PDB file of N, CA and C in Angstrom:
ATOM      1  N   MET A   1     178.383 177.893 229.564  1.00  0.00           N
ATOM      2  CA  MET A   1     177.080 178.335 229.116  1.00  0.00           C
ATOM      3  C   MET A   1     177.271 179.325 227.974  1.00  0.00           C
ATOM      4  N   SER A   2     176.435 179.186 226.949  1.00  0.00           N
ATOM      5  CA  SER A   2     176.523 180.110 225.819  1.00  0.00           C
ATOM      6  C   SER A   2     175.862 181.439 226.174  1.00  0.00           C
ATOM      7  N   ALA A   3     176.314 182.501 225.522  1.00  0.00           N
ATOM      8  CA  ALA A   3     175.745 183.820 225.761  1.00  0.00           C
ATOM      9  C   ALA A   3     174.391 183.932 225.066  1.00  0.00           C
ATOM     10  N   ILE A   4     173.434 184.525 225.743  1.00  0.00           N
ATOM     11  CA  ILE A   4     172.113 184.752 225.167  1.00  0.00           C
ATOM     12  C   ILE A   4     172.254 185.891 224.159  1.00  0.00           C
ATOM     13  N   PRO A   5     171.788 185.685 222.908  1.00  0.00           N
ATOM     14  CA  PRO A   5     171.925 186.747 221.901  1.00  0.00           C
ATOM     15  C   PRO A   5     171.115 187.994 222.270  1.00  0.00           C
ATOM     16  N   ALA A   6     171.653 189.152 221.974  1.00  0.00           N
ATOM     17  CA  ALA A   6     170.945 190.419 222.196  1.00  0.00           C
ATOM     18  C   ALA A   6     170.103 190.799 220.990  1.00  0.00           C
ATOM     19  N   GLU A   7     170.468 190.292 219.807  1.00  0.00           N
ATOM     20  CA  GLU A   7     169.713 190.584 218.587  1.00  0.00           C
ATOM     21  C   GLU A   7     170.025 189.541 217.534  1.00  0.00           C
ATOM     22  N   PHE A   8     169.151 189.475 216.529  1.00  0.00           N
ATOM     23  CA  PHE A   8     169.354 188.590 215.381  1.00  0.00           C
ATOM     24  C   PHE A   8     169.329 189.457 214.127  1.00  0.00           C
ATOM     25  N   SER A   9     170.289 189.252 213.228  1.00  0.00           N
ATOM     26  CA  SER A   9     170.361 190.016 211.989  1.00  0.00           C
ATOM     27  C   SER A   9     169.867 189.176 210.827  1.00  0.00           C
ATOM     28  N   ASN A  10     169.382 189.860 209.801  1.00  0.00           N
ATOM     29  CA  ASN A  10     168.980 189.223 208.546  1.00  0.00           C
ATOM     30  C   ASN A  10     167.966 188.096 208.735  1.00  0.00           C
ATOM     31  N   VAL A  11     166.882 188.416 209.441  1.00  0.00           N
ATOM     32  CA  VAL A  11     165.817 187.447 209.668  1.00  0.00           C
ATOM     33  C   VAL A  11     164.497 188.010 209.153  1.00  0.00           C
ATOM     34  N   THR A  12     163.535 187.126 209.006  1.00  0.00           N
ATOM     35  CA  THR A  12     162.167 187.539 208.691  1.00  0.00           C
ATOM     36  C   THR A  12     161.343 187.390 209.957  1.00  0.00           C
ATOM     37  N   ALA A  13     160.665 188.448 210.359  1.00  0.00           N
ATOM     38  CA  ALA A  13     159.805 188.411 211.541  1.00  0.00           C
ATOM     39  C   ALA A  13     158.367 188.193 211.098  1.00  0.00           C
ATOM     40  N   VAL A  14     157.714 187.212 211.706  1.00  0.00           N
ATOM     41  CA  VAL A  14     156.304 186.942 211.417  1.00  0.00           C
ATOM     42  C   VAL A  14     155.485 187.867 212.307  1.00  0.00           C
ATOM     43  N   THR A  15     154.623 188.672 211.693  1.00  0.00           N
ATOM     44  CA  THR A  15     153.901 189.685 212.460  1.00  0.00           C
ATOM     45  C   THR A  15     152.754 189.121 213.285  1.00  0.00           C
ATOM     46  N   LYS A  16     152.156 188.019 212.866  1.00  0.00           N
ATOM     47  CA  LYS A  16     151.060 187.412 213.625  1.00  0.00           C
ATOM     48  C   LYS A  16     151.635 186.738 214.867  1.00  0.00           C
ATOM     49  N   ALA A  17     151.136 187.124 216.020  1.00  0.00           N
ATOM     50  CA  ALA A  17     151.630 186.573 217.286  1.00  0.00           C
ATOM     51  C   ALA A  17     151.081 185.174 217.532  1.00  0.00           C
ATOM     52  N   ASN A  18     151.852 184.391 218.278  1.00  0.00           N
ATOM     53  CA  ASN A  18     151.397 183.115 218.825  1.00  0.00           C
ATOM     54  C   ASN A  18     150.895 183.443 220.230  1.00  0.00           C
ATOM     55  N   VAL A  19     149.606 183.294 220.469  1.00  0.00           N
ATOM     56  CA  VAL A  19     149.014 183.687 221.747  1.00  0.00           C
ATOM     57  C   VAL A  19     148.487 182.442 222.453  1.00  0.00           C
ATOM     58  N   TYR A  20     148.934 182.248 223.693  1.00  0.00           N
ATOM     59  CA  TYR A  20     148.541 181.086 224.486  1.00  0.00           C
ATOM     60  C   TYR A  20     147.979 181.544 225.829  1.00  0.00           C
ATOM     61  N   PHE A  21     147.165 180.697 226.421  1.00  0.00           N
ATOM     62  CA  PHE A  21     146.668 180.926 227.773  1.00  0.00           C
ATOM     63  C   PHE A  21     146.065 182.321 227.940  1.00  0.00           C
ATOM     64  N   GLU A  22     145.125 182.641 227.035  1.00  0.00           N
ATOM     65  CA  GLU A  22     144.400 183.913 227.090  1.00  0.00           C
ATOM     66  C   GLU A  22     145.320 185.125 227.139  1.00  0.00           C
ATOM     67  N   GLY A  23     146.423 185.052 226.401  1.00  0.00           N
ATOM     68  CA  GLY A  23     147.339 186.184 226.297  1.00  0.00           C
ATOM     69  C   GLY A  23     148.393 186.249 227.376  1.00  0.00           C
ATOM     70  N   LYS A  24     148.465 185.244 228.241  1.00  0.00           N
ATOM     71  CA  LYS A  24     149.473 185.262 229.314  1.00  0.00           C
ATOM     72  C   LYS A  24     150.835 184.793 228.816  1.00  0.00           C
ATOM     73  N   VAL A  25     150.871 184.145 227.643  1.00  0.00           N
ATOM     74  CA  VAL A  25     152.122 183.775 226.977  1.00  0.00           C
ATOM     75  C   VAL A  25     151.980 184.195 225.518  1.00  0.00           C
ATOM     76  N   VAL A  26     152.886 185.034 225.052  1.00  0.00           N
ATOM     77  CA  VAL A  26     152.819 185.557 223.684  1.00  0.00           C
ATOM     78  C   VAL A  26     154.209 185.489 223.066  1.00  0.00           C
ATOM     79  N   SER A  27     154.276 185.015 221.817  1.00  0.00           N
ATOM     80  CA  SER A  27     155.569 184.983 221.129  1.00  0.00           C
ATOM     81  C   SER A  27     155.393 185.377 219.669  1.00  0.00           C
ATOM     82  N   HIS A  28     156.512 185.704 219.047  1.00  0.00           N
ATOM     83  CA  HIS A  28     156.578 185.962 217.609  1.00  0.00           C
ATOM     84  C   HIS A  28     157.667 185.070 217.033  1.00  0.00           C
ATOM     85  N   SER A  29     157.401 184.534 215.855  1.00  0.00           N
ATOM     86  CA  SER A  29     158.371 183.671 215.177  1.00  0.00           C
ATOM     87  C   SER A  29     159.322 184.514 214.345  1.00  0.00           C
ATOM     88  N   ILE A  30     160.581 184.098 214.330  1.00  0.00           N
ATOM     89  CA  ILE A  30     161.545 184.685 213.406  1.00  0.00           C
ATOM     90  C   ILE A  30     162.135 183.543 212.579  1.00  0.00           C
ATOM     91  N   LEU A  31     162.295 183.820 211.297  1.00  0.00           N
ATOM     92  CA  LEU A  31     162.758 182.818 210.343  1.00  0.00           C
ATOM     93  C   LEU A  31     164.129 183.217 209.823  1.00  0.00           C
ATOM     94  N   PHE A  32     165.027 182.253 209.777  1.00  0.00           N
ATOM     95  CA  PHE A  32     166.403 182.483 209.336  1.00  0.00           C
ATOM     96  C   PHE A  32     166.581 182.005 207.900  1.00  0.00           C
ATOM     97  N   ALA A  33     167.583 182.546 207.219  1.00  0.00           N
ATOM     98  CA  ALA A  33     167.847 182.208 205.816  1.00  0.00           C
ATOM     99  C   ALA A  33     168.109 180.716 205.619  1.00  0.00           C
ATOM    100  N   ASP A  34     168.648 180.046 206.651  1.00  0.00           N
ATOM    101  CA  ASP A  34     168.942 178.611 206.527  1.00  0.00           C
ATOM    102  C   ASP A  34     167.718 177.731 206.751  1.00  0.00           C
ATOM    103  N   GLY A  35     166.549 178.355 206.962  1.00  0.00           N
ATOM    104  CA  GLY A  35     165.310 177.599 207.162  1.00  0.00           C
ATOM    105  C   GLY A  35     164.976 177.335 208.621  1.00  0.00           C
ATOM    106  N   SER A  36     165.870 177.682 209.532  1.00  0.00           N
ATOM    107  CA  SER A  36     165.589 177.461 210.945  1.00  0.00           C
ATOM    108  C   SER A  36     164.631 178.533 211.472  1.00  0.00           C
ATOM    109  N   LYS A  37     164.048 178.245 212.628  1.00  0.00           N
ATOM    110  CA  LYS A  37     163.041 179.126 213.214  1.00  0.00           C
ATOM    111  C   LYS A  37     163.270 179.217 214.711  1.00  0.00           C
ATOM    112  N   LYS A  38     163.012 180.384 215.254  1.00  0.00           N
ATOM    113  CA  LYS A  38     163.023 180.609 216.694  1.00  0.00           C
ATOM    114  C   LYS A  38     161.767 181.399 217.030  1.00  0.00           C
ATOM    115  N   THR A  39     161.379 181.364 218.285  1.00  0.00           N
ATOM    116  CA  THR A  39     160.325 182.264 218.736  1.00  0.00           C
ATOM    117  C   THR A  39     160.882 183.118 219.870  1.00  0.00           C
ATOM    118  N   LEU A  40     160.439 184.364 219.915  1.00  0.00           N
ATOM    119  CA  LEU A  40     160.802 185.306 220.967  1.00  0.00           C
ATOM    120  C   LEU A  40     159.524 185.623 221.716  1.00  0.00           C
ATOM    121  N   GLY A  41     159.524 185.451 223.042  1.00  0.00           N
ATOM    122  CA  GLY A  41     158.263 185.617 223.736  1.00  0.00           C
ATOM    123  C   GLY A  41     158.349 186.140 225.145  1.00  0.00           C
ATOM    124  N   LEU A  42     157.149 186.345 225.687  1.00  0.00           N
ATOM    125  CA  LEU A  42     156.947 186.840 227.045  1.00  0.00           C
ATOM    126  C   LEU A  42     156.018 185.873 227.774  1.00  0.00           C
ATOM    127  N   ILE A  43     156.337 185.612 229.040  1.00  0.00           N
ATOM    128  CA  ILE A  43     155.472 184.794 229.889  1.00  0.00           C
ATOM    129  C   ILE A  43     155.103 185.632 231.106  1.00  0.00           C
ATOM    130  N   TYR A  44     153.812 185.877 231.271  1.00  0.00           N
ATOM    131  CA  TYR A  44     153.312 186.644 232.406  1.00  0.00           C
ATOM    132  C   TYR A  44     153.072 185.713 233.591  1.00  0.00           C
ATOM    133  N   PRO A  45     152.930 186.259 234.797  1.00  0.00           N
ATOM    134  CA  PRO A  45     152.758 185.400 235.970  1.00  0.00           C
ATOM    135  C   PRO A  45     151.639 184.365 235.805  1.00  0.00           C
ATOM    136  N   GLY A  46     151.947 183.159 236.258  1.00  0.00           N
ATOM    137  CA  GLY A  46     151.022 182.036 236.191  1.00  0.00           C
ATOM    138  C   GLY A  46     151.796 180.756 235.974  1.00  0.00           C
ATOM    139  N   SER A  47     151.057 179.641 235.879  1.00  0.00           N
ATOM    140  CA  SER A  47     151.649 178.323 235.634  1.00  0.00           C
ATOM    141  C   SER A  47     151.056 177.751 234.360  1.00  0.00           C
ATOM    142  N   TYR A  48     151.904 177.203 233.501  1.00  0.00           N
ATOM    143  CA  TYR A  48     151.492 176.761 232.176  1.00  0.00           C
ATOM    144  C   TYR A  48     152.179 175.441 231.822  1.00  0.00           C
ATOM    145  N   HIS A  49     151.524 174.662 230.971  1.00  0.00           N
ATOM    146  CA  HIS A  49     152.143 173.432 230.462  1.00  0.00           C
ATOM    147  C   HIS A  49     152.233 173.531 228.944  1.00  0.00           C
ATOM    148  N   PHE A  50     153.399 173.183 228.401  1.00  0.00           N
ATOM    149  CA  PHE A  50     153.607 173.158 226.956  1.00  0.00           C
ATOM    150  C   PHE A  50     154.058 171.774 226.538  1.00  0.00           C
ATOM    151  N   GLY A  51     153.516 171.283 225.453  1.00  0.00           N
ATOM    152  CA  GLY A  51     153.984 170.054 224.840  1.00  0.00           C
ATOM    153  C   GLY A  51     154.947 170.403 223.720  1.00  0.00           C
ATOM    154  N   THR A  52     155.840 169.475 223.400  1.00  0.00           N
ATOM    155  CA  THR A  52     156.809 169.709 222.333  1.00  0.00           C
ATOM    156  C   THR A  52     156.680 168.634 221.264  1.00  0.00           C
ATOM    157  N   ASP A  53     156.858 169.031 220.038  1.00  0.00           N
ATOM    158  CA  ASP A  53     156.965 168.075 218.939  1.00  0.00           C
ATOM    159  C   ASP A  53     158.456 167.849 218.688  1.00  0.00           C
ATOM    160  N   LYS A  54     159.144 168.951 218.369  1.00  0.00           N
ATOM    161  CA  LYS A  54     160.603 168.900 218.199  1.00  0.00           C
ATOM    162  C   LYS A  54     161.275 169.231 219.523  1.00  0.00           C
ATOM    163  N   ALA A  55     162.544 168.850 219.636  1.00  0.00           N
ATOM    164  CA  ALA A  55     163.332 169.243 220.806  1.00  0.00           C
ATOM    165  C   ALA A  55     163.497 170.768 220.784  1.00  0.00           C
ATOM    166  N   GLU A  56     163.535 171.358 221.964  1.00  0.00           N
ATOM    167  CA  GLU A  56     163.621 172.811 222.084  1.00  0.00           C
ATOM    168  C   GLU A  56     164.680 173.210 223.102  1.00  0.00           C
ATOM    169  N   ARG A  57     165.268 174.375 222.864  1.00  0.00           N
ATOM    170  CA  ARG A  57     166.106 175.030 223.869  1.00  0.00           C
ATOM    171  C   ARG A  57     165.401 176.327 224.235  1.00  0.00           C
ATOM    172  N   MET A  58     165.120 176.493 225.517  1.00  0.00           N
ATOM    173  CA  MET A  58     164.490 177.710 226.017  1.00  0.00           C
ATOM    174  C   MET A  58     165.551 178.529 226.741  1.00  0.00           C
ATOM    175  N   GLU A  59     165.885 179.681 226.160  1.00  0.00           N
ATOM    176  CA  GLU A  59     166.857 180.593 226.751  1.00  0.00           C
ATOM    177  C   GLU A  59     166.085 181.709 227.441  1.00  0.00           C
ATOM    178  N   ILE A  60     166.341 181.908 228.712  1.00  0.00           N
ATOM    179  CA  ILE A  60     165.670 182.964 229.453  1.00  0.00           C
ATOM    180  C   ILE A  60     166.488 184.247 229.274  1.00  0.00           C
ATOM    181  N   VAL A  61     165.879 185.235 228.655  1.00  0.00           N
ATOM    182  CA  VAL A  61     166.546 186.503 228.362  1.00  0.00           C
ATOM    183  C   VAL A  61     166.506 187.422 229.577  1.00  0.00           C
ATOM    184  N   ALA A  62     165.351 187.477 230.247  1.00  0.00           N
ATOM    185  CA  ALA A  62     165.171 188.337 231.416  1.00  0.00           C
ATOM    186  C   ALA A  62     164.065 187.750 232.283  1.00  0.00           C
ATOM    187  N   GLY A  63     164.076 188.123 233.553  1.00  0.00           N
ATOM    188  CA  GLY A  63     163.077 187.605 234.480  1.00  0.00           C
ATOM    189  C   GLY A  63     163.493 186.253 235.022  1.00  0.00           C
ATOM    190  N   SER A  64     162.534 185.538 235.586  1.00  0.00           N
ATOM    191  CA  SER A  64     162.818 184.229 236.155  1.00  0.00           C
ATOM    192  C   SER A  64     161.601 183.327 236.030  1.00  0.00           C
ATOM    193  N   CYS A  65     161.861 182.019 236.117  1.00  0.00           N
ATOM    194  CA  CYS A  65     160.788 181.036 236.025  1.00  0.00           C
ATOM    195  C   CYS A  65     161.226 179.756 236.715  1.00  0.00           C
ATOM    196  N   ALA A  66     160.240 178.917 237.022  1.00  0.00           N
ATOM    197  CA  ALA A  66     160.492 177.591 237.577  1.00  0.00           C
ATOM    198  C   ALA A  66     159.991 176.582 236.550  1.00  0.00           C
ATOM    199  N   VAL A  67     160.791 175.549 236.275  1.00  0.00           N
ATOM    200  CA  VAL A  67     160.488 174.603 235.197  1.00  0.00           C
ATOM    201  C   VAL A  67     160.582 173.170 235.706  1.00  0.00           C
ATOM    202  N   LYS A  68     159.594 172.363 235.317  1.00  0.00           N
ATOM    203  CA  LYS A  68     159.627 170.927 235.583  1.00  0.00           C
ATOM    204  C   LYS A  68     159.383 170.217 234.264  1.00  0.00           C
ATOM    205  N   LEU A  69     160.379 169.465 233.807  1.00  0.00           N
ATOM    206  CA  LEU A  69     160.254 168.705 232.566  1.00  0.00           C
ATOM    207  C   LEU A  69     159.335 167.512 232.788  1.00  0.00           C
ATOM    208  N   ASP A  70     158.558 167.148 231.768  1.00  0.00           N
ATOM    209  CA  ASP A  70     157.710 165.964 231.859  1.00  0.00           C
ATOM    210  C   ASP A  70     158.556 164.757 232.253  1.00  0.00           C
ATOM    211  N   GLY A  71     158.039 163.954 233.158  1.00  0.00           N
ATOM    212  CA  GLY A  71     158.735 162.754 233.593  1.00  0.00           C
ATOM    213  C   GLY A  71     159.720 162.989 234.716  1.00  0.00           C
ATOM    214  N   SER A  72     159.902 164.233 235.127  1.00  0.00           N
ATOM    215  CA  SER A  72     160.835 164.566 236.197  1.00  0.00           C
ATOM    216  C   SER A  72     160.053 164.993 237.432  1.00  0.00           C
ATOM    217  N   GLU A  73     160.621 164.765 238.575  1.00  0.00           N
ATOM    218  CA  GLU A  73     160.032 165.241 239.834  1.00  0.00           C
ATOM    219  C   GLU A  73     160.709 166.522 240.301  1.00  0.00           C
ATOM    220  N   VAL A  74     161.754 166.947 239.582  1.00  0.00           N
ATOM    221  CA  VAL A  74     162.574 168.083 239.993  1.00  0.00           C
ATOM    222  C   VAL A  74     162.095 169.364 239.305  1.00  0.00           C
ATOM    223  N   THR A  75     161.919 170.406 240.086  1.00  0.00           N
ATOM    224  CA  THR A  75     161.629 171.730 239.556  1.00  0.00           C
ATOM    225  C   THR A  75     162.895 172.565 239.706  1.00  0.00           C
ATOM    226  N   THR A  76     163.299 173.212 238.607  1.00  0.00           N
ATOM    227  CA  THR A  76     164.526 174.003 238.585  1.00  0.00           C
ATOM    228  C   THR A  76     164.187 175.454 238.280  1.00  0.00           C
ATOM    229  N   ASN A  77     164.825 176.359 238.986  1.00  0.00           N
ATOM    230  CA  ASN A  77     164.629 177.788 238.745  1.00  0.00           C
ATOM    231  C   ASN A  77     165.660 178.285 237.738  1.00  0.00           C
ATOM    232  N   TYR A  78     165.195 179.139 236.814  1.00  0.00           N
ATOM    233  CA  TYR A  78     166.064 179.733 235.804  1.00  0.00           C
ATOM    234  C   TYR A  78     165.883 181.244 235.824  1.00  0.00           C
ATOM    235  N   VAL A  79     166.963 181.960 235.584  1.00  0.00           N
ATOM    236  CA  VAL A  79     166.942 183.421 235.514  1.00  0.00           C
ATOM    237  C   VAL A  79     167.565 183.847 234.191  1.00  0.00           C
ATOM    238  N   GLY A  80     167.443 185.143 233.884  1.00  0.00           N
ATOM    239  CA  GLY A  80     168.022 185.678 232.658  1.00  0.00           C
ATOM    240  C   GLY A  80     169.464 185.250 232.485  1.00  0.00           C
ATOM    241  N   GLY A  81     169.799 184.775 231.278  1.00  0.00           N
ATOM    242  CA  GLY A  81     171.142 184.312 230.982  1.00  0.00           C
ATOM    243  C   GLY A  81     171.289 182.799 231.075  1.00  0.00           C
ATOM    244  N   GLU A  82     170.248 182.103 231.539  1.00  0.00           N
ATOM    245  CA  GLU A  82     170.297 180.644 231.657  1.00  0.00           C
ATOM    246  C   GLU A  82     169.347 180.007 230.635  1.00  0.00           C
ATOM    247  N   PHE A  83     169.509 178.690 230.422  1.00  0.00           N
ATOM    248  CA  PHE A  83     168.649 177.984 229.471  1.00  0.00           C
ATOM    249  C   PHE A  83     168.370 176.576 229.962  1.00  0.00           C
ATOM    250  N   PHE A  84     167.333 175.967 229.369  1.00  0.00           N
ATOM    251  CA  PHE A  84     167.047 174.555 229.590  1.00  0.00           C
ATOM    252  C   PHE A  84     166.626 173.931 228.267  1.00  0.00           C
ATOM    253  N   ASP A  85     166.875 172.639 228.146  1.00  0.00           N
ATOM    254  CA  ASP A  85     166.527 171.888 226.941  1.00  0.00           C
ATOM    255  C   ASP A  85     165.353 170.961 227.229  1.00  0.00           C
ATOM    256  N   VAL A  86     164.475 170.836 226.248  1.00  0.00           N
ATOM    257  CA  VAL A  86     163.292 169.981 226.359  1.00  0.00           C
ATOM    258  C   VAL A  86     163.369 168.940 225.250  1.00  0.00           C
ATOM    259  N   PRO A  87     163.266 167.648 225.590  1.00  0.00           N
ATOM    260  CA  PRO A  87     163.321 166.607 224.554  1.00  0.00           C
ATOM    261  C   PRO A  87     162.129 166.675 223.604  1.00  0.00           C
ATOM    262  N   ALA A  88     162.312 166.139 222.404  1.00  0.00           N
ATOM    263  CA  ALA A  88     161.217 166.032 221.437  1.00  0.00           C
ATOM    264  C   ALA A  88     160.120 165.129 221.998  1.00  0.00           C
ATOM    265  N   LYS A  89     158.899 165.360 221.531  1.00  0.00           N
ATOM    266  CA  LYS A  89     157.736 164.547 221.930  1.00  0.00           C
ATOM    267  C   LYS A  89     157.609 164.486 223.446  1.00  0.00           C
ATOM    268  N   SER A  90     157.769 165.625 224.083  1.00  0.00           N
ATOM    269  CA  SER A  90     157.755 165.713 225.533  1.00  0.00           C
ATOM    270  C   SER A  90     156.970 166.950 225.935  1.00  0.00           C
ATOM    271  N   GLY A  91     157.360 167.565 227.041  1.00  0.00           N
ATOM    272  CA  GLY A  91     156.712 168.788 227.468  1.00  0.00           C
ATOM    273  C   GLY A  91     157.322 169.290 228.753  1.00  0.00           C
ATOM    274  N   PHE A  92     156.778 170.392 229.249  1.00  0.00           N
ATOM    275  CA  PHE A  92     157.282 170.973 230.484  1.00  0.00           C
ATOM    276  C   PHE A  92     156.242 171.883 231.107  1.00  0.00           C
ATOM    277  N   ASP A  93     156.319 171.994 232.425  1.00  0.00           N
ATOM    278  CA  ASP A  93     155.546 172.978 233.173  1.00  0.00           C
ATOM    279  C   ASP A  93     156.463 174.154 233.424  1.00  0.00           C
ATOM    280  N   ILE A  94     155.927 175.355 233.253  1.00  0.00           N
ATOM    281  CA  ILE A  94     156.708 176.560 233.523  1.00  0.00           C
ATOM    282  C   ILE A  94     155.849 177.505 234.342  1.00  0.00           C
ATOM    283  N   ALA A  95     156.446 178.086 235.374  1.00  0.00           N
ATOM    284  CA  ALA A  95     155.718 179.001 236.248  1.00  0.00           C
ATOM    285  C   ALA A  95     156.533 180.275 236.441  1.00  0.00           C
ATOM    286  N   VAL A  96     155.832 181.389 236.349  1.00  0.00           N
ATOM    287  CA  VAL A  96     156.427 182.706 236.617  1.00  0.00           C
ATOM    288  C   VAL A  96     155.666 183.263 237.812  1.00  0.00           C
ATOM    289  N   SER A  97     156.374 183.582 238.874  1.00  0.00           N
ATOM    290  CA  SER A  97     155.696 184.044 240.083  1.00  0.00           C
ATOM    291  C   SER A  97     155.525 185.558 240.132  1.00  0.00           C
ATOM    292  N   GLU A  98     156.443 186.287 239.490  1.00  0.00           N
ATOM    293  CA  GLU A  98     156.319 187.749 239.472  1.00  0.00           C
ATOM    294  C   GLU A  98     157.047 188.315 238.265  1.00  0.00           C
ATOM    295  N   GLY A  99     156.629 189.487 237.843  1.00  0.00           N
ATOM    296  CA  GLY A  99     157.255 190.115 236.682  1.00  0.00           C
ATOM    297  C   GLY A  99     156.943 189.349 235.406  1.00  0.00           C
ATOM    298  N   ILE A 100     157.793 189.505 234.434  1.00  0.00           N
ATOM    299  CA  ILE A 100     157.629 188.866 233.122  1.00  0.00           C
ATOM    300  C   ILE A 100     158.917 188.126 232.794  1.00  0.00           C
ATOM    301  N   ALA A 101     158.795 186.883 232.358  1.00  0.00           N
ATOM    302  CA  ALA A 101     159.958 186.149 231.861  1.00  0.00           C
ATOM    303  C   ALA A 101     159.999 186.325 230.349  1.00  0.00           C
ATOM    304  N   GLU A 102     161.143 186.731 229.825  1.00  0.00           N
ATOM    305  CA  GLU A 102     161.351 186.879 228.389  1.00  0.00           C
ATOM    306  C   GLU A 102     162.199 185.700 227.923  1.00  0.00           C
ATOM    307  N   TYR A 103     161.862 185.147 226.755  1.00  0.00           N
ATOM    308  CA  TYR A 103     162.597 183.959 226.300  1.00  0.00           C
ATOM    309  C   TYR A 103     162.829 183.939 224.809  1.00  0.00           C
ATOM    310  N   ILE A 104     163.803 183.109 224.425  1.00  0.00           N
ATOM    311  CA  ILE A 104     164.049 182.723 223.040  1.00  0.00           C
ATOM    312  C   ILE A 104     163.893 181.206 223.001  1.00  0.00           C
ATOM    313  N   CYS A 105     163.030 180.720 222.156  1.00  0.00           N
ATOM    314  CA  CYS A 105     162.865 179.277 221.981  1.00  0.00           C
ATOM    315  C   CYS A 105     163.482 178.878 220.642  1.00  0.00           C
ATOM    316  N   SER A 106     164.475 177.992 220.699  1.00  0.00           N
ATOM    317  CA  SER A 106     165.114 177.469 219.490  1.00  0.00           C
ATOM    318  C   SER A 106     164.655 176.033 219.286  1.00  0.00           C
ATOM    319  N   PHE A 107     164.326 175.701 218.054  1.00  0.00           N
ATOM    320  CA  PHE A 107     163.893 174.353 217.728  1.00  0.00           C
ATOM    321  C   PHE A 107     165.109 173.571 217.271  1.00  0.00           C
ATOM    322  N   ILE A 108     165.410 172.492 217.994  1.00  0.00           N
ATOM    323  CA  ILE A 108     166.620 171.707 217.782  1.00  0.00           C
ATOM    324  C   ILE A 108     166.283 170.510 216.917  1.00  0.00           C
ATOM    325  N   ASP A 109     167.085 170.276 215.878  1.00  0.00           N
ATOM    326  CA  ASP A 109     166.826 169.106 215.000  1.00  0.00           C
ATOM    327  C   ASP A 109     167.238 167.830 215.660  1.00  0.00           C
TER     328      ASP A 109
END
């Protein structure tokens, strides 16, 4: 398993937040010199569904969540330091039962 980054250097931070589910999921985009993009976010307790256009890697920085990928019957629990991948043109259900889950979402080509 790869190490979850503690910080990113030489990036542009987009100040306008991405707000979903009435503020229960909030992220900010960061842009890299090579044109790639990641989002850094918080997920408050609740259950949410996200669709994907591009493939994504969701790295859990802190907290915990339960995830079920579209088309799967299996729900997997993730904690800080773990990640899951979501295929392009797909989606996933994510649930946080307590506390706040912090994440980094990387868009995979």
